[in-house]
Every structure is written in C-alpha cells, then in structure tokens.
Amino acid sequence: MTARRQGRSWTGPTLWALAIIPEILLGALAVWLAGRHGPALVAMLINLLVALRFGMTLRPGAVPLITRYARCDRMGLPAECEGYTRRLTAAWTGLLAGFALLHALALTDLWSTAAVGRWQAAVVMGVFLGEHALRSLVMPQLGIATPWRTFAAIWQASTRRGEHPHAA
C-alpha cells in the first residue's frame, strides 16, 4: 500500500526540507552581516521563532502543538491527558523564549554565545529526556514514553493527510 493510500503525504516533509535551505542561507547571511554577533543573533531568532511556533498554538480555541503530536502517538491521547500536553507546550514556549533572551544578552557581550549554546543543548536534552520519564510515571496507561515514540508521533502528525488529528 502506498503512502498516499494510507492517508499520508510526503508533501509536508518535503516542503519543510525545502524551507530549510533558504533559512540556512538567511542564517549565513545574518552571521556574515552581523559579524562576531551573528551567531547570537541567529540563535536568538531561531529560539524566538520556535517559541512562537509553540506559543501560537496556546491561543484560545487552538490545539496545543504537543497535543497535536500526542494525538498521533500509537497509544493515543486520552482526553484527561490533554491538560498535561497543554502545560508541556507552555513550558517549552517559556524555555525557548528564555534561551532567546539569553542569546539576546550575548549580543550585548553579557554572556558568551558559545556558553549559552552549550548550556542550552544540555538543558534542552535534559528536559526532553526527563519529560519522557515523567510522562511514563504520570500517565502509566500510555506505556513507557520514549524519544523514538515521540519522533514517530511528530512524523505521523506532519505526514497525515485527509485525517485531521490536529482538530479539537
């Protein structure tokens, strides 16, 4: 059975991949134009954009981003667990906005961009992995949460077509 017949499309991931090319080029241009502050500027902008991506889904009537992904998990998402995914979406929004602020401070030479980047990598990885352990404890009915299941759900959410797992 083809991907199209299963209700999936490669259009979304393909367009996403194509969108990255101009972003990389624009990022390189920003680094070049901003000189030594370029990396901090790019890191700040990327964190702001991703925080906005998460945050915009928290508007009234919208489906939080992590809720969208969790609905595509092979174990599903019981209605009583949607508050957890909303709070988790809000937490990621705040975390990424905070790192955008730290990278903005690096523009003023208050912090080292490299140090903020290393700290961000460690914190984001710790929060991501720690959340999986917490989710396994808080929602045992969904089985053991793993990063692989999360990535599969994100992929599923981005490739579904016809069905609307994102709708409320």
Protein backbone atom coordinates (compact mmCIF):
# COMPACT_ATOMS: atom_id res chain seq x y z
CA MET A 1 0.00 0.00 0.00
CA THR A 2 1.46 3.37 -0.93
CA ALA A 3 1.94 6.28 1.48
CA ARG A 4 -0.78 8.20 -0.36
CA ARG A 5 -3.31 5.38 0.05
CA GLN A 6 -2.58 5.25 3.78
CA GLY A 7 -3.63 8.88 4.10
CA ARG A 8 -0.08 10.17 4.30
CA SER A 9 1.69 12.63 2.11
CA TRP A 10 5.34 13.43 1.59
CA THR A 11 4.38 16.99 0.64
CA GLY A 12 4.63 18.39 4.19
CA PRO A 13 8.08 16.99 5.00
CA THR A 14 9.35 17.83 1.50
CA LEU A 15 8.19 21.43 1.79
CA TRP A 16 9.66 21.60 5.28
CA ALA A 17 13.02 20.37 3.96
CA LEU A 18 12.90 22.87 1.10
CA ALA A 19 12.10 25.67 3.53
CA ILE A 20 15.25 24.91 5.48
CA ILE A 21 17.53 25.79 2.57
CA PRO A 22 16.54 29.49 2.48
CA GLU A 23 16.66 29.57 6.29
CA ILE A 24 20.22 28.28 6.26
CA LEU A 25 21.16 30.82 3.61
CA LEU A 26 19.48 33.65 5.53
CA GLY A 27 21.19 32.50 8.71
CA ALA A 28 24.56 32.51 6.98
CA LEU A 29 23.82 36.00 5.63
CA ALA A 30 22.85 37.22 9.11
CA VAL A 31 26.06 35.79 10.58
CA TRP A 32 28.11 37.49 7.87
CA LEU A 33 26.31 40.84 8.21
CA ALA A 34 26.35 40.85 12.00
CA GLY A 35 30.00 39.86 12.23
CA ARG A 36 31.00 38.43 15.56
CA HIS A 37 27.45 38.85 16.90
CA GLY A 38 25.96 36.83 14.05
CA PRO A 39 25.79 33.51 15.87
CA ALA A 40 23.99 35.11 18.85
CA LEU A 41 21.57 36.87 16.51
CA VAL A 42 20.76 33.67 14.63
CA ALA A 43 20.38 31.65 17.87
CA MET A 44 18.11 34.34 19.33
CA LEU A 45 15.93 34.44 16.22
CA ILE A 46 15.66 30.65 15.93
CA ASN A 47 14.68 30.33 19.60
CA LEU A 48 12.11 33.12 19.21
CA LEU A 49 10.61 31.53 16.12
CA VAL A 50 10.34 28.09 17.69
CA ALA A 51 8.92 29.59 20.92
CA LEU A 52 6.36 31.43 18.78
CA ARG A 53 5.53 28.19 16.96
CA PHE A 54 4.75 26.54 20.30
CA GLY A 55 3.14 29.62 21.84
CA MET A 56 0.78 30.42 18.96
CA THR A 57 -0.87 27.04 19.47
CA LEU A 58 -1.80 28.03 23.03
CA ARG A 59 -4.33 30.63 21.87
CA PRO A 60 -7.94 30.02 22.90
CA GLY A 61 -9.58 27.55 20.54
CA ALA A 62 -6.25 26.31 19.14
CA VAL A 63 -4.86 22.83 19.72
CA PRO A 64 -1.51 23.00 21.57
CA LEU A 65 1.37 21.73 19.45
CA ILE A 66 2.31 18.89 21.78
CA THR A 67 -1.34 17.85 21.98
CA ARG A 68 -1.34 17.58 18.18
CA TYR A 69 1.70 15.37 18.28
CA ALA A 70 0.45 13.25 21.21
CA ARG A 71 -2.80 12.53 19.37
CA CYS A 72 -0.70 10.79 16.72
CA ASP A 73 1.11 8.58 19.22
CA ARG A 74 0.37 4.89 18.71
CA MET A 75 -1.13 4.78 22.22
CA GLY A 76 -3.40 7.75 21.54
CA LEU A 77 -4.13 10.61 23.90
CA PRO A 78 -6.95 10.25 26.41
CA ALA A 79 -8.92 13.47 26.96
CA GLU A 80 -7.85 13.60 30.61
CA CYS A 81 -4.20 13.89 29.50
CA GLU A 82 -4.68 16.92 27.25
CA GLY A 83 -4.10 19.36 30.13
CA TYR A 84 -0.65 17.83 30.59
CA THR A 85 0.22 18.36 26.92
CA ARG A 86 -1.05 21.97 27.07
CA ARG A 87 1.15 22.68 30.11
CA LEU A 88 4.08 20.98 28.41
CA THR A 89 3.60 23.13 25.31
CA ALA A 90 3.58 26.22 27.55
CA ALA A 91 6.74 25.02 29.34
CA TRP A 92 8.60 24.59 26.04
CA THR A 93 7.40 28.02 24.92
CA GLY A 94 8.81 29.60 28.07
CA LEU A 95 12.05 27.64 27.96
CA LEU A 96 12.79 28.59 24.36
CA ALA A 97 11.79 32.23 24.95
CA GLY A 98 14.19 32.25 27.90
CA PHE A 99 17.02 30.99 25.72
CA ALA A 100 16.15 33.64 23.13
CA LEU A 101 16.62 36.22 25.89
CA LEU A 102 19.97 34.73 26.93
CA HIS A 103 21.16 34.81 23.32
CA ALA A 104 19.97 38.45 23.12
CA LEU A 105 22.11 39.18 26.17
CA ALA A 106 25.02 37.57 24.32
CA LEU A 107 24.56 40.32 21.70
CA THR A 108 25.49 42.80 24.43
CA ASP A 109 28.55 40.72 25.40
CA LEU A 110 26.95 39.99 28.77
CA TRP A 111 27.16 36.25 28.01
CA SER A 112 29.23 34.16 25.66
CA THR A 113 27.18 32.80 22.74
CA ALA A 114 29.15 29.55 22.86
CA ALA A 115 28.49 29.13 26.60
CA VAL A 116 24.77 29.84 26.19
CA GLY A 117 24.64 27.37 23.28
CA ARG A 118 26.32 24.62 25.30
CA TRP A 119 24.09 25.28 28.29
CA GLN A 120 21.00 25.30 26.07
CA ALA A 121 21.95 21.98 24.48
CA ALA A 122 22.36 20.37 27.90
CA VAL A 123 19.16 21.84 29.36
CA VAL A 124 17.00 21.07 26.31
CA MET A 125 18.27 17.48 26.18
CA GLY A 126 17.74 17.07 29.93
CA VAL A 127 14.20 18.48 29.80
CA PHE A 128 13.33 16.40 26.73
CA LEU A 129 14.57 13.15 28.25
CA GLY A 130 13.33 13.98 31.75
CA GLU A 131 9.85 14.70 30.42
CA HIS A 132 9.70 11.21 28.93
CA ALA A 133 10.45 9.71 32.35
CA LEU A 134 7.87 11.99 33.99
CA ARG A 135 5.23 11.15 31.37
CA SER A 136 5.79 7.44 31.93
CA LEU A 137 5.11 7.95 35.65
CA VAL A 138 2.20 10.40 35.30
CA MET A 139 0.42 8.50 32.52
CA PRO A 140 1.28 4.82 33.01
CA GLN A 141 -1.77 3.83 30.94
CA LEU A 142 0.12 5.05 27.85
CA GLY A 143 3.09 2.76 28.42
CA ILE A 144 6.74 3.73 28.56
CA ALA A 145 7.34 7.06 26.81
CA THR A 146 10.43 7.05 24.64
CA PRO A 147 12.02 9.65 22.37
CA TRP A 148 11.53 7.26 19.43
CA ARG A 149 7.77 7.17 20.03
CA THR A 150 7.77 10.96 20.26
CA PHE A 151 9.66 11.32 16.98
CA ALA A 152 7.32 8.81 15.32
CA ALA A 153 4.27 10.77 16.54
CA ILE A 154 5.74 14.05 15.27
CA TRP A 155 6.46 12.43 11.91
CA GLN A 156 2.96 10.97 11.82
CA ALA A 157 1.40 14.36 12.62
CA SER A 158 3.41 16.07 9.89
CA THR A 159 2.63 13.50 7.20
CA ARG A 160 -1.06 12.80 7.82
CA ARG A 161 -3.36 13.91 5.10
CA GLY A 162 -7.12 13.71 4.90
CA GLU A 163 -7.47 12.73 8.53
CA HIS A 164 -7.29 15.59 10.99
CA PRO A 165 -5.57 14.50 14.21
CA HIS A 166 -4.93 18.18 14.96
CA ALA A 167 -8.58 19.17 15.17
CA ALA A 168 -10.16 19.58 18.54
